[in-house]
Amino acid sequence: SVIGRWADAKAPDQMPLDAVRRLEEDC
């Protein structure tokens, strides 16, 4: 549900910087 809100253009949720760092490192 958290990941879905990050991907949903209408949800106000933003990724925390740690998640950004980890995912960008992965791909």
mmCIF file of all heavy atoms, coordinates in Angstrom:
data_MODEL
# 
_entry.id   MODEL 
# 
loop_
_atom_site.group_PDB 
_atom_site.id 
_atom_site.type_symbol 
_atom_site.label_atom_id 
_atom_site.label_alt_id 
_atom_site.label_comp_id 
_atom_site.label_asym_id 
_atom_site.label_entity_id 
_atom_site.label_seq_id 
_atom_site.pdbx_PDB_ins_code 
_atom_site.Cartn_x 
_atom_site.Cartn_y 
_atom_site.Cartn_z 
_atom_site.occupancy 
_atom_site.B_iso_or_equiv 
_atom_site.pdbx_formal_charge 
_atom_site.auth_seq_id 
_atom_site.auth_comp_id 
_atom_site.auth_asym_id 
_atom_site.auth_atom_id 
_atom_site.pdbx_PDB_model_num 
ATOM 1   N N   . SER A 1 1  ? 0.830  -1.212 0.000   1.00 0.00 ? 1  SER A N   1 
ATOM 2   C CA  . SER A 1 1  ? 0.000  0.000  0.000   1.00 0.00 ? 1  SER A CA  1 
ATOM 3   C C   . SER A 1 1  ? 0.866  1.265  0.000   1.00 0.00 ? 1  SER A C   1 
ATOM 4   O O   . SER A 1 1  ? 0.542  2.249  -0.669  1.00 0.00 ? 1  SER A O   1 
ATOM 5   C CB  . SER A 1 1  ? -0.969 0.002  1.175   1.00 0.00 ? 1  SER A CB  1 
ATOM 6   O OG  . SER A 1 1  ? -0.269 -0.019 2.400   1.00 0.00 ? 1  SER A OG  1 
ATOM 7   N N   . VAL A 1 2  ? 1.970  1.250  0.721   1.00 0.00 ? 2  VAL A N   1 
ATOM 8   C CA  . VAL A 1 2  ? 2.880  2.402  0.739   1.00 0.00 ? 2  VAL A CA  1 
ATOM 9   C C   . VAL A 1 2  ? 3.488  2.598  -0.651  1.00 0.00 ? 2  VAL A C   1 
ATOM 10  O O   . VAL A 1 2  ? 3.511  3.713  -1.185  1.00 0.00 ? 2  VAL A O   1 
ATOM 11  C CB  . VAL A 1 2  ? 3.989  2.222  1.802   1.00 0.00 ? 2  VAL A CB  1 
ATOM 12  C CG1 . VAL A 1 2  ? 5.118  3.227  1.603   1.00 0.00 ? 2  VAL A CG1 1 
ATOM 13  C CG2 . VAL A 1 2  ? 3.414  2.342  3.190   1.00 0.00 ? 2  VAL A CG2 1 
ATOM 14  N N   . ILE A 1 3  ? 3.958  1.532  -1.258  1.00 0.00 ? 3  ILE A N   1 
ATOM 15  C CA  . ILE A 1 3  ? 4.554  1.611  -2.593  1.00 0.00 ? 3  ILE A CA  1 
ATOM 16  C C   . ILE A 1 3  ? 3.508  2.077  -3.599  1.00 0.00 ? 3  ILE A C   1 
ATOM 17  O O   . ILE A 1 3  ? 3.800  2.900  -4.468  1.00 0.00 ? 3  ILE A O   1 
ATOM 18  C CB  . ILE A 1 3  ? 5.145  0.250  -3.007  1.00 0.00 ? 3  ILE A CB  1 
ATOM 19  C CG1 . ILE A 1 3  ? 6.230  -0.174 -2.022  1.00 0.00 ? 3  ILE A CG1 1 
ATOM 20  C CG2 . ILE A 1 3  ? 5.691  0.317  -4.431  1.00 0.00 ? 3  ILE A CG2 1 
ATOM 21  C CD1 . ILE A 1 3  ? 6.616  -1.628 -2.116  1.00 0.00 ? 3  ILE A CD1 1 
ATOM 22  N N   . GLY A 1 4  ? 2.299  1.575  -3.467  1.00 0.00 ? 4  GLY A N   1 
ATOM 23  C CA  . GLY A 1 4  ? 1.219  1.999  -4.349  1.00 0.00 ? 4  GLY A CA  1 
ATOM 24  C C   . GLY A 1 4  ? 0.935  3.491  -4.230  1.00 0.00 ? 4  GLY A C   1 
ATOM 25  O O   . GLY A 1 4  ? 0.699  4.168  -5.235  1.00 0.00 ? 4  GLY A O   1 
ATOM 26  N N   . ARG A 1 5  ? 0.981  4.020  -3.011  1.00 0.00 ? 5  ARG A N   1 
ATOM 27  C CA  . ARG A 1 5  ? 0.770  5.466  -2.829  1.00 0.00 ? 5  ARG A CA  1 
ATOM 28  C C   . ARG A 1 5  ? 1.929  6.271  -3.407  1.00 0.00 ? 5  ARG A C   1 
ATOM 29  O O   . ARG A 1 5  ? 1.722  7.354  -3.948  1.00 0.00 ? 5  ARG A O   1 
ATOM 30  C CB  . ARG A 1 5  ? 0.550  5.793  -1.349  1.00 0.00 ? 5  ARG A CB  1 
ATOM 31  C CG  . ARG A 1 5  ? -0.809 5.340  -0.841  1.00 0.00 ? 5  ARG A CG  1 
ATOM 32  C CD  . ARG A 1 5  ? -1.138 5.922  0.524   1.00 0.00 ? 5  ARG A CD  1 
ATOM 33  N NE  . ARG A 1 5  ? -0.150 5.633  1.546   1.00 0.00 ? 5  ARG A NE  1 
ATOM 34  C CZ  . ARG A 1 5  ? -0.152 4.559  2.341   1.00 0.00 ? 5  ARG A CZ  1 
ATOM 35  N NH1 . ARG A 1 5  ? -1.121 3.664  2.231   1.00 0.00 ? 5  ARG A NH1 1 
ATOM 36  N NH2 . ARG A 1 5  ? 0.774  4.382  3.255   1.00 0.00 ? 5  ARG A NH2 1 
ATOM 37  N N   . TRP A 1 6  ? 3.149  5.740  -3.314  1.00 0.00 ? 6  TRP A N   1 
ATOM 38  C CA  . TRP A 1 6  ? 4.279  6.430  -3.928  1.00 0.00 ? 6  TRP A CA  1 
ATOM 39  C C   . TRP A 1 6  ? 4.087  6.534  -5.446  1.00 0.00 ? 6  TRP A C   1 
ATOM 40  O O   . TRP A 1 6  ? 4.433  7.532  -6.050  1.00 0.00 ? 6  TRP A O   1 
ATOM 41  C CB  . TRP A 1 6  ? 5.590  5.691  -3.674  1.00 0.00 ? 6  TRP A CB  1 
ATOM 42  C CG  . TRP A 1 6  ? 6.078  5.713  -2.262  1.00 0.00 ? 6  TRP A CG  1 
ATOM 43  C CD1 . TRP A 1 6  ? 5.710  6.561  -1.251  1.00 0.00 ? 6  TRP A CD1 1 
ATOM 44  C CD2 . TRP A 1 6  ? 7.049  4.837  -1.690  1.00 0.00 ? 6  TRP A CD2 1 
ATOM 45  N NE1 . TRP A 1 6  ? 6.389  6.266  -0.105  1.00 0.00 ? 6  TRP A NE1 1 
ATOM 46  C CE2 . TRP A 1 6  ? 7.221  5.214  -0.342  1.00 0.00 ? 6  TRP A CE2 1 
ATOM 47  C CE3 . TRP A 1 6  ? 7.787  3.767  -2.184  1.00 0.00 ? 6  TRP A CE3 1 
ATOM 48  C CZ2 . TRP A 1 6  ? 8.115  4.565  0.507   1.00 0.00 ? 6  TRP A CZ2 1 
ATOM 49  C CZ3 . TRP A 1 6  ? 8.669  3.121  -1.347  1.00 0.00 ? 6  TRP A CZ3 1 
ATOM 50  C CH2 . TRP A 1 6  ? 8.833  3.520  -0.008  1.00 0.00 ? 6  TRP A CH2 1 
ATOM 51  N N   . ALA A 1 7  ? 3.533  5.490  -6.035  1.00 0.00 ? 7  ALA A N   1 
ATOM 52  C CA  . ALA A 1 7  ? 3.369  5.444  -7.492  1.00 0.00 ? 7  ALA A CA  1 
ATOM 53  C C   . ALA A 1 7  ? 2.103  6.158  -7.968  1.00 0.00 ? 7  ALA A C   1 
ATOM 54  O O   . ALA A 1 7  ? 2.000  6.490  -9.147  1.00 0.00 ? 7  ALA A O   1 
ATOM 55  C CB  . ALA A 1 7  ? 3.349  3.991  -7.953  1.00 0.00 ? 7  ALA A CB  1 
ATOM 56  N N   . ASP A 1 8  ? 1.155  6.393  -7.080  1.00 0.00 ? 8  ASP A N   1 
ATOM 57  C CA  . ASP A 1 8  ? -0.125 7.014  -7.447  1.00 0.00 ? 8  ASP A CA  1 
ATOM 58  C C   . ASP A 1 8  ? 0.038  8.529  -7.582  1.00 0.00 ? 8  ASP A C   1 
ATOM 59  O O   . ASP A 1 8  ? 0.380  9.211  -6.621  1.00 0.00 ? 8  ASP A O   1 
ATOM 60  C CB  . ASP A 1 8  ? -1.169 6.684  -6.384  1.00 0.00 ? 8  ASP A CB  1 
ATOM 61  C CG  . ASP A 1 8  ? -2.547 7.218  -6.706  1.00 0.00 ? 8  ASP A CG  1 
ATOM 62  O OD1 . ASP A 1 8  ? -2.724 7.869  -7.756  1.00 0.00 ? 8  ASP A OD1 1 
ATOM 63  O OD2 . ASP A 1 8  ? -3.465 6.983  -5.903  1.00 0.00 ? 8  ASP A OD2 1 
ATOM 64  N N   . ALA A 1 9  ? -0.252 9.043  -8.769  1.00 0.00 ? 9  ALA A N   1 
ATOM 65  C CA  . ALA A 1 9  ? -0.089 10.477 -9.038  1.00 0.00 ? 9  ALA A CA  1 
ATOM 66  C C   . ALA A 1 9  ? -1.003 11.336 -8.175  1.00 0.00 ? 9  ALA A C   1 
ATOM 67  O O   . ALA A 1 9  ? -0.703 12.503 -7.926  1.00 0.00 ? 9  ALA A O   1 
ATOM 68  C CB  . ALA A 1 9  ? -0.352 10.758 -10.513 1.00 0.00 ? 9  ALA A CB  1 
ATOM 69  N N   . LYS A 1 10 ? -2.097 10.780 -7.695  1.00 0.00 ? 10 LYS A N   1 
ATOM 70  C CA  . LYS A 1 10 ? -3.048 11.571 -6.914  1.00 0.00 ? 10 LYS A CA  1 
ATOM 71  C C   . LYS A 1 10 ? -2.816 11.488 -5.407  1.00 0.00 ? 10 LYS A C   1 
ATOM 72  O O   . LYS A 1 10 ? -3.388 12.260 -4.653  1.00 0.00 ? 10 LYS A O   1 
ATOM 73  C CB  . LYS A 1 10 ? -4.469 11.131 -7.244  1.00 0.00 ? 10 LYS A CB  1 
ATOM 74  C CG  . LYS A 1 10 ? -4.821 11.429 -8.690  1.00 0.00 ? 10 LYS A CG  1 
ATOM 75  C CD  . LYS A 1 10 ? -6.187 10.952 -9.038  1.00 0.00 ? 10 LYS A CD  1 
ATOM 76  C CE  . LYS A 1 10 ? -6.443 11.232 -10.514 1.00 0.00 ? 10 LYS A CE  1 
ATOM 77  N NZ  . LYS A 1 10 ? -7.604 10.576 -11.012 1.00 0.00 ? 10 LYS A NZ  1 
ATOM 78  N N   . ALA A 1 11 ? -1.975 10.564 -4.985  1.00 0.00 ? 11 ALA A N   1 
ATOM 79  C CA  . ALA A 1 11 ? -1.686 10.429 -3.554  1.00 0.00 ? 11 ALA A CA  1 
ATOM 80  C C   . ALA A 1 11 ? -0.578 11.412 -3.170  1.00 0.00 ? 11 ALA A C   1 
ATOM 81  O O   . ALA A 1 11 ? 0.381  11.597 -3.920  1.00 0.00 ? 11 ALA A O   1 
ATOM 82  C CB  . ALA A 1 11 ? -1.249 9.006  -3.233  1.00 0.00 ? 11 ALA A CB  1 
ATOM 83  N N   . PRO A 1 12 ? -0.676 12.048 -2.010  1.00 0.00 ? 12 PRO A N   1 
ATOM 84  C CA  . PRO A 1 12 ? 0.331  13.038 -1.623  1.00 0.00 ? 12 PRO A CA  1 
ATOM 85  C C   . PRO A 1 12 ? 1.633  12.430 -1.088  1.00 0.00 ? 12 PRO A C   1 
ATOM 86  O O   . PRO A 1 12 ? 2.588  13.164 -0.827  1.00 0.00 ? 12 PRO A O   1 
ATOM 87  C CB  . PRO A 1 12 ? -0.379 13.834 -0.521  1.00 0.00 ? 12 PRO A CB  1 
ATOM 88  C CG  . PRO A 1 12 ? -1.327 12.862 0.082   1.00 0.00 ? 12 PRO A CG  1 
ATOM 89  C CD  . PRO A 1 12 ? -1.779 11.978 -1.059  1.00 0.00 ? 12 PRO A CD  1 
ATOM 90  N N   . ASP A 1 13 ? 1.689  11.115 -0.958  1.00 0.00 ? 13 ASP A N   1 
ATOM 91  C CA  . ASP A 1 13 ? 2.851  10.459 -0.352  1.00 0.00 ? 13 ASP A CA  1 
ATOM 92  C C   . ASP A 1 13 ? 4.097  10.596 -1.220  1.00 0.00 ? 13 ASP A C   1 
ATOM 93  O O   . ASP A 1 13 ? 4.050  10.371 -2.428  1.00 0.00 ? 13 ASP A O   1 
ATOM 94  C CB  . ASP A 1 13 ? 2.568  8.975  -0.126  1.00 0.00 ? 13 ASP A CB  1 
ATOM 95  C CG  . ASP A 1 13 ? 1.365  8.756  0.760   1.00 0.00 ? 13 ASP A CG  1 
ATOM 96  O OD1 . ASP A 1 13 ? 0.266  9.165  0.344   1.00 0.00 ? 13 ASP A OD1 1 
ATOM 97  O OD2 . ASP A 1 13 ? 1.522  8.198  1.843   1.00 0.00 ? 13 ASP A OD2 1 
ATOM 98  N N   . GLN A 1 14 ? 5.210  10.926 -0.580  1.00 0.00 ? 14 GLN A N   1 
ATOM 99  C CA  . GLN A 1 14 ? 6.501  10.999 -1.245  1.00 0.00 ? 14 GLN A CA  1 
ATOM 100 C C   . GLN A 1 14 ? 7.437  9.985  -0.613  1.00 0.00 ? 14 GLN A C   1 
ATOM 101 O O   . GLN A 1 14 ? 7.345  9.695  0.572   1.00 0.00 ? 14 GLN A O   1 
ATOM 102 C CB  . GLN A 1 14 ? 7.085  12.395 -1.109  1.00 0.00 ? 14 GLN A CB  1 
ATOM 103 C CG  . GLN A 1 14 ? 6.246  13.449 -1.783  1.00 0.00 ? 14 GLN A CG  1 
ATOM 104 C CD  . GLN A 1 14 ? 6.826  14.834 -1.568  1.00 0.00 ? 14 GLN A CD  1 
ATOM 105 O OE1 . GLN A 1 14 ? 8.010  14.987 -1.322  1.00 0.00 ? 14 GLN A OE1 1 
ATOM 106 N NE2 . GLN A 1 14 ? 5.983  15.834 -1.664  1.00 0.00 ? 14 GLN A NE2 1 
ATOM 107 N N   . MET A 1 15 ? 8.344  9.457  -1.419  1.00 0.00 ? 15 MET A N   1 
ATOM 108 C CA  . MET A 1 15 ? 9.304  8.486  -0.909  1.00 0.00 ? 15 MET A CA  1 
ATOM 109 C C   . MET A 1 15 ? 10.253 9.162  0.067   1.00 0.00 ? 15 MET A C   1 
ATOM 110 O O   . MET A 1 15 ? 10.722 10.274 -0.206  1.00 0.00 ? 15 MET A O   1 
ATOM 111 C CB  . MET A 1 15 ? 10.152 7.932  -2.053  1.00 0.00 ? 15 MET A CB  1 
ATOM 112 C CG  . MET A 1 15 ? 9.478  6.980  -2.958  1.00 0.00 ? 15 MET A CG  1 
ATOM 113 S SD  . MET A 1 15 ? 10.700 6.436  -4.195  1.00 0.00 ? 15 MET A SD  1 
ATOM 114 C CE  . MET A 1 15 ? 9.746  5.167  -4.978  1.00 0.00 ? 15 MET A CE  1 
ATOM 115 N N   . PRO A 1 16 ? 10.580 8.492  1.169   1.00 0.00 ? 16 PRO A N   1 
ATOM 116 C CA  . PRO A 1 16 ? 11.643 9.019  2.028   1.00 0.00 ? 16 PRO A CA  1 
ATOM 117 C C   . PRO A 1 16 ? 12.984 8.887  1.292   1.00 0.00 ? 16 PRO A C   1 
ATOM 118 O O   . PRO A 1 16 ? 13.138 8.052  0.402   1.00 0.00 ? 16 PRO A O   1 
ATOM 119 C CB  . PRO A 1 16 ? 11.587 8.127  3.265   1.00 0.00 ? 16 PRO A CB  1 
ATOM 120 C CG  . PRO A 1 16 ? 10.847 6.912  2.862   1.00 0.00 ? 16 PRO A CG  1 
ATOM 121 C CD  . PRO A 1 16 ? 9.979  7.276  1.695   1.00 0.00 ? 16 PRO A CD  1 
ATOM 122 N N   . LEU A 1 17 ? 13.927 9.727  1.646   1.00 0.00 ? 17 LEU A N   1 
ATOM 123 C CA  . LEU A 1 17 ? 15.213 9.728  0.949   1.00 0.00 ? 17 LEU A CA  1 
ATOM 124 C C   . LEU A 1 17 ? 15.915 8.380  1.007   1.00 0.00 ? 17 LEU A C   1 
ATOM 125 O O   . LEU A 1 17 ? 16.589 7.979  0.057   1.00 0.00 ? 17 LEU A O   1 
ATOM 126 C CB  . LEU A 1 17 ? 16.121 10.821 1.517   1.00 0.00 ? 17 LEU A CB  1 
ATOM 127 C CG  . LEU A 1 17 ? 15.699 12.243 1.161   1.00 0.00 ? 17 LEU A CG  1 
ATOM 128 C CD1 . LEU A 1 17 ? 16.628 13.249 1.821   1.00 0.00 ? 17 LEU A CD1 1 
ATOM 129 C CD2 . LEU A 1 17 ? 15.663 12.451 -0.334  1.00 0.00 ? 17 LEU A CD2 1 
ATOM 130 N N   . ASP A 1 18 ? 15.772 7.658  2.108   1.00 0.00 ? 18 ASP A N   1 
ATOM 131 C CA  . ASP A 1 18 ? 16.413 6.350  2.201   1.00 0.00 ? 18 ASP A CA  1 
ATOM 132 C C   . ASP A 1 18 ? 15.837 5.393  1.158   1.00 0.00 ? 18 ASP A C   1 
ATOM 133 O O   . ASP A 1 18 ? 16.578 4.631  0.541   1.00 0.00 ? 18 ASP A O   1 
ATOM 134 C CB  . ASP A 1 18 ? 16.257 5.764  3.610   1.00 0.00 ? 18 ASP A CB  1 
ATOM 135 C CG  . ASP A 1 18 ? 17.025 4.478  3.760   1.00 0.00 ? 18 ASP A CG  1 
ATOM 136 O OD1 . ASP A 1 18 ? 18.253 4.497  3.495   1.00 0.00 ? 18 ASP A OD1 1 
ATOM 137 O OD2 . ASP A 1 18 ? 16.411 3.450  4.105   1.00 0.00 ? 18 ASP A OD2 1 
ATOM 138 N N   . ALA A 1 19 ? 14.536 5.449  0.938   1.00 0.00 ? 19 ALA A N   1 
ATOM 139 C CA  . ALA A 1 19 ? 13.915 4.592  -0.081  1.00 0.00 ? 19 ALA A CA  1 
ATOM 140 C C   . ALA A 1 19 ? 14.396 4.991  -1.469  1.00 0.00 ? 19 ALA A C   1 
ATOM 141 O O   . ALA A 1 19 ? 14.717 4.133  -2.301  1.00 0.00 ? 19 ALA A O   1 
ATOM 142 C CB  . ALA A 1 19 ? 12.393 4.685  -0.002  1.00 0.00 ? 19 ALA A CB  1 
ATOM 143 N N   . VAL A 1 20 ? 14.485 6.296  -1.715  1.00 0.00 ? 20 VAL A N   1 
ATOM 144 C CA  . VAL A 1 20 ? 14.984 6.780  -3.009  1.00 0.00 ? 20 VAL A CA  1 
ATOM 145 C C   . VAL A 1 20 ? 16.391 6.256  -3.243  1.00 0.00 ? 20 VAL A C   1 
ATOM 146 O O   . VAL A 1 20 ? 16.712 5.708  -4.299  1.00 0.00 ? 20 VAL A O   1 
ATOM 147 C CB  . VAL A 1 20 ? 14.964 8.324  -3.067  1.00 0.00 ? 20 VAL A CB  1 
ATOM 148 C CG1 . VAL A 1 20 ? 15.706 8.832  -4.297  1.00 0.00 ? 20 VAL A CG1 1 
ATOM 149 C CG2 . VAL A 1 20 ? 13.545 8.850  -3.047  1.00 0.00 ? 20 VAL A CG2 1 
ATOM 150 N N   . ARG A 1 21 ? 17.244 6.419  -2.251  1.00 0.00 ? 21 ARG A N   1 
ATOM 151 C CA  . ARG A 1 21 ? 18.629 5.971  -2.380  1.00 0.00 ? 21 ARG A CA  1 
ATOM 152 C C   . ARG A 1 21 ? 18.721 4.477  -2.655  1.00 0.00 ? 21 ARG A C   1 
ATOM 153 O O   . ARG A 1 21 ? 19.442 4.038  -3.556  1.00 0.00 ? 21 ARG A O   1 
ATOM 154 C CB  . ARG A 1 21 ? 19.412 6.306  -1.097  1.00 0.00 ? 21 ARG A CB  1 
ATOM 155 C CG  . ARG A 1 21 ? 20.890 5.945  -1.185  1.00 0.00 ? 21 ARG A CG  1 
ATOM 156 C CD  . ARG A 1 21 ? 21.571 6.039  0.170   1.00 0.00 ? 21 ARG A CD  1 
ATOM 157 N NE  . ARG A 1 21 ? 20.951 5.208  1.188   1.00 0.00 ? 21 ARG A NE  1 
ATOM 158 C CZ  . ARG A 1 21 ? 21.148 3.880  1.300   1.00 0.00 ? 21 ARG A CZ  1 
ATOM 159 N NH1 . ARG A 1 21 ? 21.908 3.242  0.450   1.00 0.00 ? 21 ARG A NH1 1 
ATOM 160 N NH2 . ARG A 1 21 ? 20.560 3.198  2.261   1.00 0.00 ? 21 ARG A NH2 1 
ATOM 161 N N   . ARG A 1 22 ? 17.971 3.690  -1.903  1.00 0.00 ? 22 ARG A N   1 
ATOM 162 C CA  . ARG A 1 22 ? 18.041 2.236  -2.050  1.00 0.00 ? 22 ARG A CA  1 
ATOM 163 C C   . ARG A 1 22 ? 17.523 1.779  -3.407  1.00 0.00 ? 22 ARG A C   1 
ATOM 164 O O   . ARG A 1 22 ? 18.135 0.931  -4.063  1.00 0.00 ? 22 ARG A O   1 
ATOM 165 C CB  . ARG A 1 22 ? 17.259 1.558  -0.929  1.00 0.00 ? 22 ARG A CB  1 
ATOM 166 C CG  . ARG A 1 22 ? 17.921 1.734  0.428   1.00 0.00 ? 22 ARG A CG  1 
ATOM 167 C CD  . ARG A 1 22 ? 17.078 1.211  1.552   1.00 0.00 ? 22 ARG A CD  1 
ATOM 168 N NE  . ARG A 1 22 ? 17.006 -0.240 1.486   1.00 0.00 ? 22 ARG A NE  1 
ATOM 169 C CZ  . ARG A 1 22 ? 16.092 -0.972 2.117   1.00 0.00 ? 22 ARG A CZ  1 
ATOM 170 N NH1 . ARG A 1 22 ? 15.190 -0.387 2.879   1.00 0.00 ? 22 ARG A NH1 1 
ATOM 171 N NH2 . ARG A 1 22 ? 16.096 -2.280 2.025   1.00 0.00 ? 22 ARG A NH2 1 
ATOM 172 N N   . LEU A 1 23 ? 16.407 2.350  -3.858  1.00 0.00 ? 23 LEU A N   1 
ATOM 173 C CA  . LEU A 1 23 ? 15.841 1.940  -5.136  1.00 0.00 ? 23 LEU A CA  1 
ATOM 174 C C   . LEU A 1 23 ? 16.690 2.421  -6.307  1.00 0.00 ? 23 LEU A C   1 
ATOM 175 O O   . LEU A 1 23 ? 16.894 1.688  -7.283  1.00 0.00 ? 23 LEU A O   1 
ATOM 176 C CB  . LEU A 1 23 ? 14.396 2.420  -5.277  1.00 0.00 ? 23 LEU A CB  1 
ATOM 177 C CG  . LEU A 1 23 ? 13.339 1.453  -4.750  1.00 0.00 ? 23 LEU A CG  1 
ATOM 178 C CD1 . LEU A 1 23 ? 13.448 1.247  -3.251  1.00 0.00 ? 23 LEU A CD1 1 
ATOM 179 C CD2 . LEU A 1 23 ? 11.946 1.947  -5.102  1.00 0.00 ? 23 LEU A CD2 1 
ATOM 180 N N   . GLU A 1 24 ? 17.199 3.658  -6.231  1.00 0.00 ? 24 GLU A N   1 
ATOM 181 C CA  . GLU A 1 24 ? 18.063 4.142  -7.310  1.00 0.00 ? 24 GLU A CA  1 
ATOM 182 C C   . GLU A 1 24 ? 19.349 3.332  -7.382  1.00 0.00 ? 24 GLU A C   1 
ATOM 183 O O   . GLU A 1 24 ? 19.861 3.068  -8.471  1.00 0.00 ? 24 GLU A O   1 
ATOM 184 C CB  . GLU A 1 24 ? 18.370 5.626  -7.125  1.00 0.00 ? 24 GLU A CB  1 
ATOM 185 C CG  . GLU A 1 24 ? 17.189 6.512  -7.452  1.00 0.00 ? 24 GLU A CG  1 
ATOM 186 C CD  . GLU A 1 24 ? 17.482 7.992  -7.351  1.00 0.00 ? 24 GLU A CD  1 
ATOM 187 O OE1 . GLU A 1 24 ? 18.516 8.381  -6.780  1.00 0.00 ? 24 GLU A OE1 1 
ATOM 188 O OE2 . GLU A 1 24 ? 16.653 8.769  -7.857  1.00 0.00 ? 24 GLU A OE2 1 
ATOM 189 N N   . GLU A 1 25 ? 19.862 2.918  -6.250  1.00 0.00 ? 25 GLU A N   1 
ATOM 190 C CA  . GLU A 1 25 ? 21.047 2.062  -6.237  1.00 0.00 ? 25 GLU A CA  1 
ATOM 191 C C   . GLU A 1 25 ? 20.745 0.711  -6.877  1.00 0.00 ? 25 GLU A C   1 
ATOM 192 O O   . GLU A 1 25 ? 21.568 0.156  -7.596  1.00 0.00 ? 25 GLU A O   1 
ATOM 193 C CB  . GLU A 1 25 ? 21.519 1.868  -4.797  1.00 0.00 ? 25 GLU A CB  1 
ATOM 194 C CG  . GLU A 1 25 ? 22.818 1.123  -4.666  1.00 0.00 ? 25 GLU A CG  1 
ATOM 195 C CD  . GLU A 1 25 ? 23.257 1.018  -3.212  1.00 0.00 ? 25 GLU A CD  1 
ATOM 196 O OE1 . GLU A 1 25 ? 23.295 2.058  -2.533  1.00 0.00 ? 25 GLU A OE1 1 
ATOM 197 O OE2 . GLU A 1 25 ? 23.535 -0.110 -2.763  1.00 0.00 ? 25 GLU A OE2 1 
ATOM 198 N N   . ASP A 1 26 ? 19.544 0.200  -6.654  1.00 0.00 ? 26 ASP A N   1 
ATOM 199 C CA  . ASP A 1 26 ? 19.151 -1.096 -7.199  1.00 0.00 ? 26 ASP A CA  1 
ATOM 200 C C   . ASP A 1 26 ? 19.078 -1.066 -8.721  1.00 0.00 ? 26 ASP A C   1 
ATOM 201 O O   . ASP A 1 26 ? 19.567 -1.979 -9.380  1.00 0.00 ? 26 ASP A O   1 
ATOM 202 C CB  . ASP A 1 26 ? 17.796 -1.515 -6.618  1.00 0.00 ? 26 ASP A CB  1 
ATOM 203 C CG  . ASP A 1 26 ? 17.368 -2.896 -7.082  1.00 0.00 ? 26 ASP A CG  1 
ATOM 204 O OD1 . ASP A 1 26 ? 18.089 -3.871 -6.780  1.00 0.00 ? 26 ASP A OD1 1 
ATOM 205 O OD2 . ASP A 1 26 ? 16.325 -3.000 -7.758  1.00 0.00 ? 26 ASP A OD2 1 
ATOM 206 N N   . CYS A 1 27 ? 18.468 -0.027 -9.285  1.00 0.00 ? 27 CYS A N   1 
ATOM 207 C CA  . CYS A 1 27 ? 18.311 0.013  -10.744 1.00 0.00 ? 27 CYS A CA  1 
ATOM 208 C C   . CYS A 1 27 ? 19.394 0.844  -11.424 1.00 0.00 ? 27 CYS A C   1 
ATOM 209 O O   . CYS A 1 27 ? 19.492 0.860  -12.648 1.00 0.00 ? 27 CYS A O   1 
ATOM 210 C CB  . CYS A 1 27 ? 16.930 0.531  -11.128 1.00 0.00 ? 27 CYS A CB  1 
ATOM 211 S SG  . CYS A 1 27 ? 16.688 2.289  -10.836 1.00 0.00 ? 27 CYS A SG  1 
# 
